[in-house]
Amino acid sequence: MKLILADIDGVLTDGRVTIDIHGNETKSICYRDLDAIGIGRRNNYDFAFVTGEDTEMVQFIAKRFNVEQVYAGAKDKLAAMKTISKKLGITVCDLLYIGDSDRDAPALEAVGIGIAPRDASAGAKNAANFITETNGGYGVLLEIVNNLISGKLKY
């Protein structure tokens, strides 16, 4: 089984947050990405989230997407990739990671397959091997899973 690692904000969400007058935050996720996890698992892929955030919302999204491996509070994404690869007994070059921001760029450069959404930062897109046709929060994960299954993207 191959592991697909994804940031949450800017990949599964559009990177925006709505804050009400009480300080409560809400984010939108795309149900097509929820479908992508089921499709991916049926095709021998597993999923993990690597995010700089460490909030109840991160845990809720992981639970909703049925993703057990969550690396929350990972401000240094490259360090997270090294930890994950060591845990799996593989090299960082054996990983696929989806990230959208300049903070993700070092990890996107280091992994075997670095993917950035179409609306990612310039730094993330320059570091990535592949840029999706889809914006973050609008089915990026589904596009990637479909490309992996069809062979358009090799992992």
N, C-alpha and C. Protein backbone atom coordinates (compact mmCIF):
# COMPACT_ATOMS: atom_id res chain seq x y z
N MET A 1 0.85 -1.18 0.00
CA MET A 1 0.00 0.00 0.00
C MET A 1 0.89 1.24 0.00
N LYS A 2 0.59 2.18 -0.87
CA LYS A 2 1.35 3.42 -0.96
C LYS A 2 0.61 4.53 -0.20
N LEU A 3 1.40 5.41 0.40
CA LEU A 3 0.85 6.45 1.26
C LEU A 3 0.80 7.80 0.54
N ILE A 4 -0.36 8.42 0.55
CA ILE A 4 -0.55 9.77 0.01
C ILE A 4 -0.64 10.71 1.21
N LEU A 5 0.30 11.64 1.29
CA LEU A 5 0.35 12.61 2.38
C LEU A 5 -0.19 13.94 1.88
N ALA A 6 -1.04 14.57 2.66
CA ALA A 6 -1.63 15.84 2.22
C ALA A 6 -1.73 16.83 3.37
N ASP A 7 -1.45 18.07 3.05
CA ASP A 7 -1.76 19.17 3.95
C ASP A 7 -3.28 19.29 3.97
N ILE A 8 -3.84 19.95 4.95
CA ILE A 8 -5.29 20.15 5.00
C ILE A 8 -5.65 21.52 4.44
N ASP A 9 -5.17 22.58 5.08
CA ASP A 9 -5.52 23.94 4.64
C ASP A 9 -4.86 24.23 3.30
N GLY A 10 -5.66 24.59 2.32
CA GLY A 10 -5.16 24.90 0.99
C GLY A 10 -5.13 23.71 0.05
N VAL A 11 -5.35 22.52 0.60
CA VAL A 11 -5.42 21.31 -0.23
C VAL A 11 -6.83 20.74 -0.12
N LEU A 12 -7.22 20.32 1.09
CA LEU A 12 -8.59 19.83 1.29
C LEU A 12 -9.57 20.97 1.48
N THR A 13 -9.06 22.11 1.92
CA THR A 13 -9.88 23.32 2.02
C THR A 13 -9.33 24.34 1.03
N ASP A 14 -10.05 25.42 0.84
CA ASP A 14 -9.54 26.46 -0.07
C ASP A 14 -8.59 27.42 0.64
N GLY A 15 -8.24 27.10 1.87
CA GLY A 15 -7.30 27.92 2.62
C GLY A 15 -7.93 29.07 3.37
N ARG A 16 -9.23 29.23 3.20
CA ARG A 16 -9.92 30.32 3.89
C ARG A 16 -10.52 29.82 5.19
N VAL A 17 -10.71 30.72 6.11
CA VAL A 17 -11.38 30.40 7.37
C VAL A 17 -12.39 31.50 7.64
N THR A 18 -13.56 31.10 8.09
CA THR A 18 -14.59 32.06 8.48
C THR A 18 -14.61 32.11 10.00
N ILE A 19 -14.57 33.31 10.55
CA ILE A 19 -14.56 33.48 12.00
C ILE A 19 -15.77 34.32 12.38
N ASP A 20 -16.60 33.77 13.29
CA ASP A 20 -17.77 34.53 13.71
C ASP A 20 -17.40 35.47 14.86
N ILE A 21 -18.36 36.24 15.33
CA ILE A 21 -18.08 37.24 16.37
C ILE A 21 -17.69 36.61 17.71
N HIS A 22 -17.90 35.30 17.86
CA HIS A 22 -17.52 34.60 19.08
C HIS A 22 -16.16 33.93 18.94
N GLY A 23 -15.53 34.11 17.78
CA GLY A 23 -14.22 33.51 17.55
C GLY A 23 -14.26 32.08 17.03
N ASN A 24 -15.46 31.58 16.74
CA ASN A 24 -15.59 30.23 16.20
C ASN A 24 -15.17 30.21 14.74
N GLU A 25 -14.35 29.23 14.38
CA GLU A 25 -13.86 29.11 13.01
C GLU A 25 -14.60 28.02 12.26
N THR A 26 -14.83 28.25 10.98
CA THR A 26 -15.38 27.21 10.11
C THR A 26 -14.56 27.18 8.82
N LYS A 27 -14.47 25.99 8.26
CA LYS A 27 -13.78 25.77 6.99
C LYS A 27 -14.65 24.86 6.15
N SER A 28 -14.46 24.92 4.86
CA SER A 28 -15.21 24.05 3.94
C SER A 28 -14.28 23.02 3.34
N ILE A 29 -14.75 21.78 3.28
CA ILE A 29 -14.02 20.72 2.61
C ILE A 29 -14.87 20.19 1.47
N CYS A 30 -14.23 19.58 0.50
CA CYS A 30 -14.91 19.09 -0.68
C CYS A 30 -15.23 17.60 -0.51
N TYR A 31 -16.49 17.23 -0.64
CA TYR A 31 -16.87 15.83 -0.50
C TYR A 31 -16.28 14.95 -1.58
N ARG A 32 -15.88 15.53 -2.72
CA ARG A 32 -15.20 14.72 -3.74
C ARG A 32 -13.89 14.18 -3.19
N ASP A 33 -13.26 14.93 -2.29
CA ASP A 33 -12.03 14.43 -1.68
C ASP A 33 -12.32 13.31 -0.69
N LEU A 34 -13.46 13.36 -0.04
CA LEU A 34 -13.88 12.25 0.81
C LEU A 34 -14.07 11.00 -0.04
N ASP A 35 -14.70 11.15 -1.19
CA ASP A 35 -14.85 10.03 -2.13
C ASP A 35 -13.49 9.51 -2.58
N ALA A 36 -12.54 10.42 -2.79
CA ALA A 36 -11.21 10.04 -3.27
C ALA A 36 -10.52 9.09 -2.30
N ILE A 37 -10.73 9.27 -1.02
CA ILE A 37 -10.09 8.40 -0.04
C ILE A 37 -10.63 6.98 -0.18
N GLY A 38 -11.93 6.83 -0.34
CA GLY A 38 -12.50 5.50 -0.55
C GLY A 38 -12.00 4.87 -1.84
N ILE A 39 -11.97 5.64 -2.90
CA ILE A 39 -11.49 5.14 -4.20
C ILE A 39 -10.01 4.76 -4.08
N GLY A 40 -9.24 5.62 -3.45
CA GLY A 40 -7.81 5.34 -3.28
C GLY A 40 -7.57 4.08 -2.48
N ARG A 41 -8.29 3.91 -1.40
CA ARG A 41 -8.10 2.71 -0.57
C ARG A 41 -8.45 1.44 -1.34
N ARG A 42 -9.47 1.51 -2.18
CA ARG A 42 -9.82 0.34 -3.00
C ARG A 42 -8.76 0.04 -4.05
N ASN A 43 -7.87 1.00 -4.28
CA ASN A 43 -6.80 0.83 -5.26
C ASN A 43 -5.41 0.81 -4.62
N ASN A 44 -5.36 0.40 -3.35
CA ASN A 44 -4.11 0.16 -2.64
C ASN A 44 -3.34 1.43 -2.25
N TYR A 45 -4.06 2.51 -1.96
CA TYR A 45 -3.45 3.72 -1.44
C TYR A 45 -4.00 3.99 -0.04
N ASP A 46 -3.15 4.51 0.82
CA ASP A 46 -3.59 4.96 2.13
C ASP A 46 -3.28 6.45 2.24
N PHE A 47 -3.79 7.08 3.28
CA PHE A 47 -3.72 8.53 3.38
C PHE A 47 -3.28 8.97 4.77
N ALA A 48 -2.56 10.08 4.81
CA ALA A 48 -2.17 10.72 6.06
C ALA A 48 -2.22 12.22 5.86
N PHE A 49 -2.53 12.93 6.94
CA PHE A 49 -2.56 14.39 6.90
C PHE A 49 -1.34 14.94 7.63
N VAL A 50 -0.70 15.93 7.04
CA VAL A 50 0.43 16.62 7.64
C VAL A 50 0.08 18.10 7.61
N THR A 51 -0.16 18.67 8.78
CA THR A 51 -0.65 20.05 8.83
C THR A 51 0.02 20.84 9.93
N GLY A 52 0.21 22.11 9.68
CA GLY A 52 0.78 23.00 10.68
C GLY A 52 -0.19 23.30 11.81
N GLU A 53 -1.47 23.10 11.55
CA GLU A 53 -2.49 23.36 12.57
C GLU A 53 -2.58 22.19 13.55
N ASP A 54 -2.94 22.48 14.77
CA ASP A 54 -3.17 21.45 15.78
C ASP A 54 -4.42 21.85 16.56
N THR A 55 -5.56 21.67 15.93
CA THR A 55 -6.83 22.12 16.49
C THR A 55 -7.84 20.98 16.50
N GLU A 56 -8.94 21.22 17.18
CA GLU A 56 -10.04 20.25 17.17
C GLU A 56 -10.55 20.04 15.76
N MET A 57 -10.51 21.09 14.94
CA MET A 57 -11.00 20.97 13.58
C MET A 57 -10.14 19.98 12.78
N VAL A 58 -8.83 19.98 12.99
CA VAL A 58 -7.96 19.02 12.32
C VAL A 58 -8.38 17.61 12.68
N GLN A 59 -8.60 17.37 13.97
CA GLN A 59 -9.01 16.04 14.41
C GLN A 59 -10.38 15.67 13.85
N PHE A 60 -11.28 16.64 13.78
CA PHE A 60 -12.61 16.38 13.22
C PHE A 60 -12.51 16.01 11.75
N ILE A 61 -11.72 16.76 10.99
CA ILE A 61 -11.57 16.47 9.56
C ILE A 61 -10.95 15.08 9.37
N ALA A 62 -9.94 14.76 10.17
CA ALA A 62 -9.31 13.43 10.07
C ALA A 62 -10.33 12.33 10.37
N LYS A 63 -11.15 12.55 11.39
CA LYS A 63 -12.17 11.56 11.73
C LYS A 63 -13.21 11.46 10.61
N ARG A 64 -13.63 12.59 10.09
CA ARG A 64 -14.64 12.60 9.02
C ARG A 64 -14.13 11.91 7.76
N PHE A 65 -12.83 12.08 7.47
CA PHE A 65 -12.22 11.45 6.30
C PHE A 65 -11.71 10.05 6.62
N ASN A 66 -11.86 9.62 7.88
CA ASN A 66 -11.42 8.30 8.33
C ASN A 66 -9.92 8.11 8.08
N VAL A 67 -9.14 9.12 8.43
CA VAL A 67 -7.69 9.08 8.29
C VAL A 67 -7.09 8.98 9.69
N GLU A 68 -6.40 7.87 9.95
CA GLU A 68 -5.85 7.63 11.27
C GLU A 68 -4.49 8.29 11.48
N GLN A 69 -3.70 8.42 10.43
CA GLN A 69 -2.38 9.01 10.56
C GLN A 69 -2.48 10.52 10.36
N VAL A 70 -2.32 11.25 11.44
CA VAL A 70 -2.40 12.71 11.40
C VAL A 70 -1.16 13.27 12.09
N TYR A 71 -0.42 14.09 11.37
CA TYR A 71 0.75 14.76 11.91
C TYR A 71 0.37 16.23 12.05
N ALA A 72 -0.23 16.56 13.20
CA ALA A 72 -0.73 17.91 13.46
C ALA A 72 0.36 18.74 14.13
N GLY A 73 0.29 20.05 13.91
CA GLY A 73 1.27 20.95 14.50
C GLY A 73 2.63 20.87 13.83
N ALA A 74 2.66 20.33 12.62
CA ALA A 74 3.92 20.14 11.88
C ALA A 74 4.27 21.42 11.14
N LYS A 75 4.89 22.34 11.83
CA LYS A 75 5.28 23.61 11.20
C LYS A 75 6.41 23.40 10.19
N ASP A 76 7.29 22.45 10.47
CA ASP A 76 8.39 22.10 9.56
C ASP A 76 7.99 20.83 8.81
N LYS A 77 7.46 21.01 7.61
CA LYS A 77 6.93 19.87 6.85
C LYS A 77 8.04 18.91 6.42
N LEU A 78 9.22 19.41 6.12
CA LEU A 78 10.32 18.52 5.74
C LEU A 78 10.71 17.62 6.90
N ALA A 79 10.77 18.17 8.11
CA ALA A 79 11.06 17.35 9.29
C ALA A 79 9.99 16.29 9.47
N ALA A 80 8.73 16.65 9.21
CA ALA A 80 7.64 15.67 9.30
C ALA A 80 7.83 14.56 8.27
N MET A 81 8.24 14.91 7.05
CA MET A 81 8.47 13.90 6.01
C MET A 81 9.58 12.93 6.43
N LYS A 82 10.62 13.47 7.06
CA LYS A 82 11.72 12.62 7.53
C LYS A 82 11.25 11.68 8.63
N THR A 83 10.43 12.18 9.54
CA THR A 83 9.89 11.35 10.62
C THR A 83 9.00 10.25 10.05
N ILE A 84 8.15 10.60 9.12
CA ILE A 84 7.23 9.63 8.52
C ILE A 84 7.99 8.56 7.76
N SER A 85 8.95 8.97 6.95
CA SER A 85 9.70 7.99 6.16
C SER A 85 10.49 7.05 7.07
N LYS A 86 11.07 7.59 8.13
CA LYS A 86 11.81 6.74 9.07
C LYS A 86 10.87 5.73 9.73
N LYS A 87 9.71 6.18 10.12
CA LYS A 87 8.72 5.30 10.75
C LYS A 87 8.30 4.18 9.80
N LEU A 88 8.21 4.49 8.50
CA LEU A 88 7.80 3.50 7.51
C LEU A 88 8.95 2.66 6.98
N GLY A 89 10.18 3.03 7.34
CA GLY A 89 11.34 2.29 6.86
C GLY A 89 11.64 2.53 5.39
N ILE A 90 11.33 3.73 4.92
CA ILE A 90 11.58 4.10 3.52
C ILE A 90 12.32 5.43 3.51
N THR A 91 12.69 5.91 2.33
CA THR A 91 13.34 7.21 2.25
C THR A 91 12.30 8.29 1.94
N VAL A 92 12.66 9.53 2.18
CA VAL A 92 11.77 10.66 1.86
C VAL A 92 11.43 10.64 0.37
N CYS A 93 12.38 10.19 -0.44
CA CYS A 93 12.16 10.13 -1.90
C CYS A 93 11.05 9.16 -2.29
N ASP A 94 10.65 8.29 -1.37
CA ASP A 94 9.58 7.32 -1.64
C ASP A 94 8.19 7.87 -1.32
N LEU A 95 8.11 9.12 -0.88
CA LEU A 95 6.83 9.69 -0.45
C LEU A 95 6.20 10.55 -1.54
N LEU A 96 4.88 10.66 -1.47
CA LEU A 96 4.09 11.59 -2.28
C LEU A 96 3.45 12.56 -1.30
N TYR A 97 3.65 13.86 -1.52
CA TYR A 97 3.10 14.88 -0.63
C TYR A 97 2.42 15.97 -1.42
N ILE A 98 1.27 16.42 -0.93
CA ILE A 98 0.50 17.50 -1.55
C ILE A 98 0.51 18.69 -0.59
N GLY A 99 1.05 19.81 -1.05
CA GLY A 99 1.11 21.00 -0.23
C GLY A 99 0.90 22.25 -1.06
N ASP A 100 0.50 23.33 -0.39
CA ASP A 100 0.09 24.53 -1.13
C ASP A 100 0.86 25.81 -0.81
N SER A 101 1.71 25.80 0.20
CA SER A 101 2.31 27.07 0.63
C SER A 101 3.83 27.03 0.59
N ASP A 102 4.42 28.20 0.75
CA ASP A 102 5.88 28.28 0.79
C ASP A 102 6.44 27.41 1.91
N ARG A 103 5.71 27.28 3.00
CA ARG A 103 6.14 26.42 4.11
C ARG A 103 6.25 24.96 3.66
N ASP A 104 5.48 24.58 2.65
CA ASP A 104 5.51 23.21 2.13
C ASP A 104 6.63 22.98 1.13
N ALA A 105 7.20 24.06 0.58
CA ALA A 105 8.16 23.94 -0.52
C ALA A 105 9.35 23.02 -0.24
N PRO A 106 10.01 23.12 0.92
CA PRO A 106 11.14 22.21 1.15
C PRO A 106 10.72 20.73 1.12
N ALA A 107 9.56 20.42 1.67
CA ALA A 107 9.06 19.04 1.64
C ALA A 107 8.69 18.63 0.22
N LEU A 108 8.06 19.53 -0.52
CA LEU A 108 7.68 19.22 -1.90
C LEU A 108 8.91 18.93 -2.76
N GLU A 109 10.01 19.64 -2.51
CA GLU A 109 11.25 19.40 -3.24
C GLU A 109 11.90 18.08 -2.85
N ALA A 110 11.78 17.69 -1.59
CA ALA A 110 12.50 16.52 -1.07
C ALA A 110 11.82 15.19 -1.40
N VAL A 111 10.50 15.18 -1.45
CA VAL A 111 9.79 13.92 -1.67
C VAL A 111 9.93 13.48 -3.12
N GLY A 112 9.62 12.21 -3.37
CA GLY A 112 9.68 11.69 -4.73
C GLY A 112 8.68 12.34 -5.65
N ILE A 113 7.47 12.55 -5.13
CA ILE A 113 6.43 13.22 -5.91
C ILE A 113 5.85 14.34 -5.05
N GLY A 114 6.12 15.57 -5.44
CA GLY A 114 5.58 16.75 -4.78
C GLY A 114 4.50 17.34 -5.65
N ILE A 115 3.33 17.54 -5.07
CA ILE A 115 2.18 18.03 -5.84
C ILE A 115 1.63 19.29 -5.19
N ALA A 116 1.31 20.27 -6.01
CA ALA A 116 0.72 21.52 -5.53
C ALA A 116 -0.59 21.77 -6.27
N PRO A 117 -1.62 22.27 -5.56
CA PRO A 117 -2.85 22.68 -6.23
C PRO A 117 -2.59 23.84 -7.18
N ARG A 118 -3.47 24.00 -8.13
CA ARG A 118 -3.34 25.07 -9.13
C ARG A 118 -3.18 26.45 -8.49
N ASP A 119 -3.87 26.69 -7.38
CA ASP A 119 -3.82 28.02 -6.75
C ASP A 119 -2.82 28.10 -5.60
N ALA A 120 -1.86 27.19 -5.57
CA ALA A 120 -0.82 27.21 -4.53
C ALA A 120 0.08 28.43 -4.69
N SER A 121 0.88 28.68 -3.68
CA SER A 121 1.84 29.78 -3.75
C SER A 121 2.87 29.49 -4.83
N ALA A 122 3.53 30.54 -5.30
CA ALA A 122 4.56 30.37 -6.32
C ALA A 122 5.68 29.46 -5.82
N GLY A 123 6.04 29.60 -4.55
CA GLY A 123 7.09 28.76 -3.98
C GLY A 123 6.73 27.29 -3.99
N ALA A 124 5.49 26.98 -3.64
CA ALA A 124 5.04 25.59 -3.65
C ALA A 124 5.01 25.05 -5.08
N LYS A 125 4.49 25.84 -6.00
CA LYS A 125 4.41 25.38 -7.40
C LYS A 125 5.80 25.18 -8.00
N ASN A 126 6.73 26.05 -7.68
CA ASN A 126 8.10 25.90 -8.19
C ASN A 126 8.78 24.65 -7.64
N ALA A 127 8.43 24.27 -6.41
CA ALA A 127 9.04 23.09 -5.78
C ALA A 127 8.38 21.79 -6.20
N ALA A 128 7.16 21.84 -6.69
CA ALA A 128 6.38 20.64 -7.01
C ALA A 128 6.81 20.02 -8.34
N ASN A 129 6.58 18.70 -8.43
CA ASN A 129 6.78 17.97 -9.69
C ASN A 129 5.54 18.02 -10.56
N PHE A 130 4.39 18.25 -9.91
CA PHE A 130 3.11 18.18 -10.60
C PHE A 130 2.19 19.25 -10.01
N ILE A 131 1.48 19.95 -10.86
CA ILE A 131 0.51 20.96 -10.42
C ILE A 131 -0.86 20.52 -10.91
N THR A 132 -1.82 20.47 -10.00
CA THR A 132 -3.15 20.01 -10.37
C THR A 132 -3.88 21.04 -11.22
N GLU A 133 -4.89 20.58 -11.90
CA GLU A 133 -5.77 21.48 -12.65
C GLU A 133 -6.84 22.07 -11.73
N THR A 134 -6.93 21.51 -10.53
CA THR A 134 -7.96 21.87 -9.56
C THR A 134 -7.39 22.77 -8.48
N ASN A 135 -8.16 23.74 -8.04
CA ASN A 135 -7.78 24.58 -6.91
C ASN A 135 -7.96 23.83 -5.60
N GLY A 136 -7.21 24.24 -4.58
CA GLY A 136 -7.37 23.66 -3.26
C GLY A 136 -8.80 23.82 -2.77
N GLY A 137 -9.31 22.76 -2.14
CA GLY A 137 -10.67 22.80 -1.60
C GLY A 137 -11.74 22.44 -2.60
N TYR A 138 -11.34 22.07 -3.81
CA TYR A 138 -12.33 21.78 -4.86
C TYR A 138 -12.07 20.44 -5.55
N GLY A 139 -11.50 19.48 -4.81
CA GLY A 139 -11.32 18.15 -5.37
C GLY A 139 -9.91 17.81 -5.79
N VAL A 140 -8.92 18.45 -5.18
CA VAL A 140 -7.51 18.17 -5.50
C VAL A 140 -7.19 16.69 -5.28
N LEU A 141 -7.61 16.16 -4.14
CA LEU A 141 -7.29 14.77 -3.82
C LEU A 141 -7.92 13.82 -4.83
N LEU A 142 -9.15 14.09 -5.24
CA LEU A 142 -9.79 13.23 -6.24
C LEU A 142 -9.03 13.28 -7.56
N GLU A 143 -8.62 14.46 -7.98
CA GLU A 143 -7.85 14.57 -9.22
C GLU A 143 -6.57 13.73 -9.14
N ILE A 144 -5.88 13.80 -8.02
CA ILE A 144 -4.63 13.06 -7.86
C ILE A 144 -4.88 11.56 -7.85
N VAL A 145 -5.87 11.11 -7.10
CA VAL A 145 -6.18 9.68 -7.06
C VAL A 145 -6.55 9.18 -8.46
N ASN A 146 -7.38 9.93 -9.17
CA ASN A 146 -7.75 9.52 -10.53
C ASN A 146 -6.52 9.46 -11.44
N ASN A 147 -5.61 10.42 -11.30
CA ASN A 147 -4.39 10.42 -12.12
C ASN A 147 -3.48 9.25 -11.77
N LEU A 148 -3.43 8.87 -10.51
CA LEU A 148 -2.64 7.71 -10.11
C LEU A 148 -3.24 6.42 -10.67
N ILE A 149 -4.54 6.28 -10.55
CA ILE A 149 -5.21 5.07 -11.04
C ILE A 149 -5.10 4.95 -12.55
N SER A 150 -5.24 6.06 -13.26
CA SER A 150 -5.19 6.03 -14.72
C SER A 150 -3.77 5.88 -15.26
N GLY A 151 -2.77 6.10 -14.40
CA GLY A 151 -1.38 6.01 -14.83
C GLY A 151 -0.80 7.32 -15.33
N LYS A 152 -1.62 8.39 -15.34
CA LYS A 152 -1.11 9.70 -15.75
C LYS A 152 -0.03 10.19 -14.79
N LEU A 153 -0.16 9.78 -13.54
CA LEU A 153 0.80 10.11 -12.50
C LEU A 153 1.34 8.80 -11.95
N LYS A 154 2.65 8.63 -11.95
CA LYS A 154 3.29 7.39 -11.50
C LYS A 154 3.80 7.54 -10.08
N TYR A 155 3.48 6.53 -9.24
CA TYR A 155 3.95 6.52 -7.85
C TYR A 155 4.37 5.11 -7.52
